[in-house]
C-alpha atoms as a PDB file:
ATOM      1  CA  MET A   1       7.804   0.119 -55.358  1.00  0.00           C
ATOM      2  CA  SER A   2       6.608   0.686 -51.848  1.00  0.00           C
ATOM      3  CA  PRO A   3       8.967  -0.171 -48.893  1.00  0.00           C
ATOM      4  CA  ALA A   4       9.327  -3.082 -47.315  1.00  0.00           C
ATOM      5  CA  GLN A   5       7.072  -3.677 -44.179  1.00  0.00           C
ATOM      6  CA  PRO A   6       9.288  -4.864 -41.178  1.00  0.00           C
ATOM      7  CA  SER A   7       8.507  -8.437 -39.592  1.00  0.00           C
ATOM      8  CA  ARG A   8       5.728  -9.351 -37.064  1.00  0.00           C
ATOM      9  CA  LYS A   9       8.530  -9.534 -34.452  1.00  0.00           C
ATOM     10  CA  GLN A  10       9.693  -5.965 -35.027  1.00  0.00           C
ATOM     11  CA  ALA A  11       6.405  -4.974 -35.845  1.00  0.00           C
ATOM     12  CA  ARG A  12       4.811  -6.015 -32.470  1.00  0.00           C
ATOM     13  CA  ARG A  13       8.455  -3.768 -31.153  1.00  0.00           C
ATOM     14  CA  ASP A  14       7.390  -1.024 -32.526  1.00  0.00           C
ATOM     15  CA  ALA A  15       3.959  -1.259 -31.421  1.00  0.00           C
ATOM     16  CA  LEU A  16       5.198  -2.253 -27.804  1.00  0.00           C
ATOM     17  CA  PHE A  17       7.359   1.168 -27.886  1.00  0.00           C
ATOM     18  CA  VAL A  18       4.255   3.499 -29.328  1.00  0.00           C
ATOM     19  CA  LEU A  19       2.144   1.962 -26.487  1.00  0.00           C
ATOM     20  CA  TYR A  20       4.392   2.113 -23.479  1.00  0.00           C
ATOM     21  CA  GLN A  21       5.734   6.103 -24.955  1.00  0.00           C
ATOM     22  CA  HIS A  22       1.972   6.614 -24.712  1.00  0.00           C
ATOM     23  CA  GLU A  23       1.199   5.848 -21.679  1.00  0.00           C
ATOM     24  CA  VAL A  24       4.533   7.760 -19.817  1.00  0.00           C
ATOM     25  CA  THR A  25       4.153  10.999 -22.145  1.00  0.00           C
ATOM     26  CA  SER A  26       0.287  11.329 -23.387  1.00  0.00           C
ATOM     27  CA  SER A  27       1.186  12.012 -26.840  1.00  0.00           C
ATOM     28  CA  PRO A  28      -0.839  10.842 -29.599  1.00  0.00           C
ATOM     29  CA  PHE A  29      -0.223   7.721 -31.147  1.00  0.00           C
ATOM     30  CA  ALA A  30       0.308   9.688 -34.551  1.00  0.00           C
ATOM     31  CA  VAL A  31       2.846  11.961 -33.401  1.00  0.00           C
ATOM     32  CA  LEU A  32       4.181   8.539 -31.369  1.00  0.00           C
ATOM     33  CA  PHE A  33       4.709   7.051 -34.779  1.00  0.00           C
ATOM     34  CA  ALA A  34       6.263   9.776 -36.661  1.00  0.00           C
ATOM     35  CA  ARG A  35       8.865   9.819 -34.182  1.00  0.00           C
ATOM     36  CA  MET A  36       9.720   6.469 -34.527  1.00  0.00           C
ATOM     37  CA  LYS A  37       9.810   7.206 -38.189  1.00  0.00           C
ATOM     38  CA  ALA A  38      12.255  10.243 -37.551  1.00  0.00           C
ATOM     39  CA  SER A  39      14.467   8.826 -35.472  1.00  0.00           C
ATOM     40  CA  GLY A  40      14.258   4.888 -36.701  1.00  0.00           C
ATOM     41  CA  GLY A  41      14.077   5.378 -40.245  1.00  0.00           C
ATOM     42  CA  TYR A  42      11.429   3.731 -41.213  1.00  0.00           C
ATOM     43  CA  ALA A  43       7.950   4.306 -40.934  1.00  0.00           C
ATOM     44  CA  PRO A  44       6.147   1.678 -38.413  1.00  0.00           C
ATOM     45  CA  GLY A  45       3.971  -0.704 -40.379  1.00  0.00           C
ATOM     46  CA  GLU A  46       0.510  -1.627 -41.225  1.00  0.00           C
ATOM     47  CA  PHE A  47       0.708  -4.468 -38.222  1.00  0.00           C
ATOM     48  CA  SER A  48       2.105  -2.333 -35.639  1.00  0.00           C
ATOM     49  CA  THR A  49      -0.468   0.356 -36.485  1.00  0.00           C
ATOM     50  CA  GLN A  50      -2.919  -2.124 -36.277  1.00  0.00           C
ATOM     51  CA  LEU A  51      -2.069  -3.618 -32.972  1.00  0.00           C
ATOM     52  CA  VAL A  52      -1.675   0.063 -31.391  1.00  0.00           C
ATOM     53  CA  GLU A  53      -5.621   1.052 -32.114  1.00  0.00           C
ATOM     54  CA  GLY A  54      -6.800  -2.633 -31.342  1.00  0.00           C
ATOM     55  CA  VAL A  55      -5.384  -2.248 -27.876  1.00  0.00           C
ATOM     56  CA  ALA A  56      -6.388   1.531 -27.802  1.00  0.00           C
ATOM     57  CA  ALA A  57     -10.129   0.466 -29.142  1.00  0.00           C
ATOM     58  CA  ARG A  58     -10.192  -2.529 -26.432  1.00  0.00           C
ATOM     59  CA  ARG A  59      -7.975  -1.316 -23.141  1.00  0.00           C
ATOM     60  CA  ALA A  60     -10.961  -1.387 -20.633  1.00  0.00           C
ATOM     61  CA  GLU A  61     -11.902  -4.959 -22.337  1.00  0.00           C
ATOM     62  CA  ILE A  62      -8.115  -5.892 -22.368  1.00  0.00           C
ATOM     63  CA  ASP A  63      -7.112  -4.693 -18.792  1.00  0.00           C
ATOM     64  CA  ALA A  64     -10.107  -6.230 -17.267  1.00  0.00           C
ATOM     65  CA  CYS A  65      -9.187  -9.622 -18.337  1.00  0.00           C
ATOM     66  CA  ILE A  66      -5.312  -9.103 -17.515  1.00  0.00           C
ATOM     67  CA  GLY A  67      -6.783  -7.531 -13.777  1.00  0.00           C
ATOM     68  CA  GLU A  68      -8.500 -11.101 -13.469  1.00  0.00           C
ATOM     69  CA  HIS A  69      -5.795 -12.887 -14.011  1.00  0.00           C
ATOM     70  CA  SER A  70      -2.721 -11.725 -12.125  1.00  0.00           C
ATOM     71  CA  ARG A  71      -2.697 -12.909  -9.026  1.00  0.00           C
ATOM     72  CA  THR A  72       0.469 -11.431  -7.760  1.00  0.00           C
ATOM     73  CA  TRP A  73       0.120  -7.877  -9.038  1.00  0.00           C
ATOM     74  CA  THR A  74      -2.626  -5.375  -9.583  1.00  0.00           C
ATOM     75  CA  LEU A  75      -2.707  -3.854 -13.042  1.00  0.00           C
ATOM     76  CA  ALA A  76      -1.512  -0.485 -11.688  1.00  0.00           C
ATOM     77  CA  ARG A  77       1.687  -1.659  -9.436  1.00  0.00           C
ATOM     78  CA  MET A  78       3.002  -3.018 -12.666  1.00  0.00           C
ATOM     79  CA  ALA A  79       5.860  -1.057 -14.242  1.00  0.00           C
ATOM     80  CA  PRO A  80       4.099   0.617 -17.316  1.00  0.00           C
ATOM     81  CA  LEU A  81       6.419  -1.641 -19.857  1.00  0.00           C
ATOM     82  CA  GLU A  82       4.912  -4.985 -18.502  1.00  0.00           C
ATOM     83  CA  ARG A  83       2.059  -3.993 -17.974  1.00  0.00           C
ATOM     84  CA  ASN A  84       2.098  -2.331 -22.228  1.00  0.00           C
ATOM     85  CA  ILE A  85       3.276  -6.310 -22.784  1.00  0.00           C
ATOM     86  CA  LEU A  86       0.552  -7.818 -21.411  1.00  0.00           C
ATOM     87  CA  ARG A  87      -1.939  -5.358 -23.494  1.00  0.00           C
ATOM     88  CA  LEU A  88       0.010  -5.921 -26.311  1.00  0.00           C
ATOM     89  CA  ALA A  89      -0.404  -9.664 -26.387  1.00  0.00           C
ATOM     90  CA  THR A  90      -3.681 -10.330 -24.822  1.00  0.00           C
ATOM     91  CA  PHE A  91      -5.337  -8.164 -27.520  1.00  0.00           C
ATOM     92  CA  GLU A  92      -3.681 -10.654 -29.764  1.00  0.00           C
ATOM     93  CA  LEU A  93      -5.118 -13.369 -27.807  1.00  0.00           C
ATOM     94  CA  LEU A  94      -8.809 -11.876 -28.205  1.00  0.00           C
ATOM     95  CA  ASP A  95      -8.764 -11.153 -31.598  1.00  0.00           C
ATOM     96  CA  GLY A  96      -6.916 -14.295 -32.385  1.00  0.00           C
ATOM     97  CA  ALA A  97      -5.274 -13.946 -36.007  1.00  0.00           C
ATOM     98  CA  THR A  98      -2.109 -15.205 -34.307  1.00  0.00           C
ATOM     99  CA  PRO A  99      -1.429 -18.828 -32.949  1.00  0.00           C
ATOM    100  CA  PRO A 100      -1.447 -18.522 -28.889  1.00  0.00           C
ATOM    101  CA  ALA A 101       2.036 -19.882 -28.825  1.00  0.00           C
ATOM    102  CA  VAL A 102       3.838 -17.471 -31.126  1.00  0.00           C
ATOM    103  CA  VAL A 103       1.463 -14.911 -28.702  1.00  0.00           C
ATOM    104  CA  VAL A 104       3.013 -15.902 -25.823  1.00  0.00           C
ATOM    105  CA  ASP A 105       6.398 -16.761 -27.067  1.00  0.00           C
ATOM    106  CA  GLU A 106       6.624 -13.010 -28.417  1.00  0.00           C
ATOM    107  CA  ALA A 107       5.716 -11.563 -25.269  1.00  0.00           C
ATOM    108  CA  VAL A 108       7.463 -13.336 -23.394  1.00  0.00           C
ATOM    109  CA  ARG A 109      10.947 -12.703 -25.539  1.00  0.00           C
ATOM    110  CA  LEU A 110       9.718  -8.832 -25.547  1.00  0.00           C
ATOM    111  CA  ALA A 111       9.456  -9.090 -21.362  1.00  0.00           C
ATOM    112  CA  LYS A 112      13.174 -10.563 -21.266  1.00  0.00           C
ATOM    113  CA  ARG A 113      14.526  -8.540 -23.396  1.00  0.00           C
ATOM    114  CA  TYR A 114      13.123  -5.435 -22.494  1.00  0.00           C
ATOM    115  CA  ALA A 115      12.761  -5.492 -18.610  1.00  0.00           C
ATOM    116  CA  SER A 116      13.712  -9.165 -16.708  1.00  0.00           C
ATOM    117  CA  ASP A 117      13.046 -12.752 -16.541  1.00  0.00           C
ATOM    118  CA  GLU A 118      11.360 -12.273 -13.417  1.00  0.00           C
ATOM    119  CA  ALA A 119       9.205  -9.166 -15.753  1.00  0.00           C
ATOM    120  CA  GLY A 120       8.919 -13.005 -18.411  1.00  0.00           C
ATOM    121  CA  ALA A 121       7.373 -15.584 -15.629  1.00  0.00           C
ATOM    122  CA  LEU A 122       4.726 -12.491 -14.832  1.00  0.00           C
ATOM    123  CA  VAL A 123       4.074 -12.174 -18.709  1.00  0.00           C
ATOM    124  CA  ASN A 124       4.285 -16.634 -18.831  1.00  0.00           C
ATOM    125  CA  GLY A 125       1.798 -17.024 -16.093  1.00  0.00           C
ATOM    126  CA  VAL A 126      -0.719 -13.942 -16.602  1.00  0.00           C
ATOM    127  CA  LEU A 127      -0.751 -14.907 -20.699  1.00  0.00           C
ATOM    128  CA  GLY A 128      -1.351 -18.791 -19.468  1.00  0.00           C
ATOM    129  CA  GLY A 129      -4.345 -18.112 -17.475  1.00  0.00           C
ATOM    130  CA  ILE A 130      -6.342 -15.936 -20.147  1.00  0.00           C
ATOM    131  CA  LEU A 131      -5.343 -18.980 -22.980  1.00  0.00           C
ATOM    132  CA  LYS A 132      -6.972 -21.292 -19.878  1.00  0.00           C
ATOM    133  CA  ASP A 133      -9.716 -19.843 -19.599  1.00  0.00           C
ATOM    134  CA  ARG A 134     -10.133 -19.149 -23.075  1.00  0.00           C
ATOM    135  CA  GLN A 135     -10.577 -22.852 -23.892  1.00  0.00           C
ATOM    136  CA  VAL A 136     -12.351 -23.371 -20.948  1.00  0.00           C
ATOM    137  CA  ASP A 137     -14.832 -21.038 -22.934  1.00  0.00           C
ATOM    138  CA  ARG A 138     -15.033 -22.925 -25.760  1.00  0.00           C
ATOM    139  CA  GLY A 139     -15.325 -25.910 -24.296  1.00  0.00           C
ATOM    140  CA  GLU A 140     -11.458 -27.211 -25.054  1.00  0.00           C
ATOM    141  CA  GLU A 141      -9.990 -28.211 -22.078  1.00  0.00           C
END
């Protein structure tokens, strides 16, 4: 019997923490996943791994997209946690496998829980701009 996979909510949290730790420590993702397993008692699931690898593979595109839609803060001025919440959510929006409302809601929830209400507003605003542009690009406005 295989171990149960974490919920998608937990998987996003795990992916966020790995992305954040990678940025601030430069540790390889495999090392960070192993540490998470050792300290948390479970291995991050397949969805967490897909998110981390997807963000890493498309980081330049993701950062450019965030930069285009952040009117008040440059990516470099954002705290690493907020920056990685935005990267994670932007990857999911670009990937298109998760409904946009779920992506935005989860990202705002992570920002408010682990950063601040102001971070939640920043995340909501940037992701709202990305969604609006994507709808225009697809002729859905």
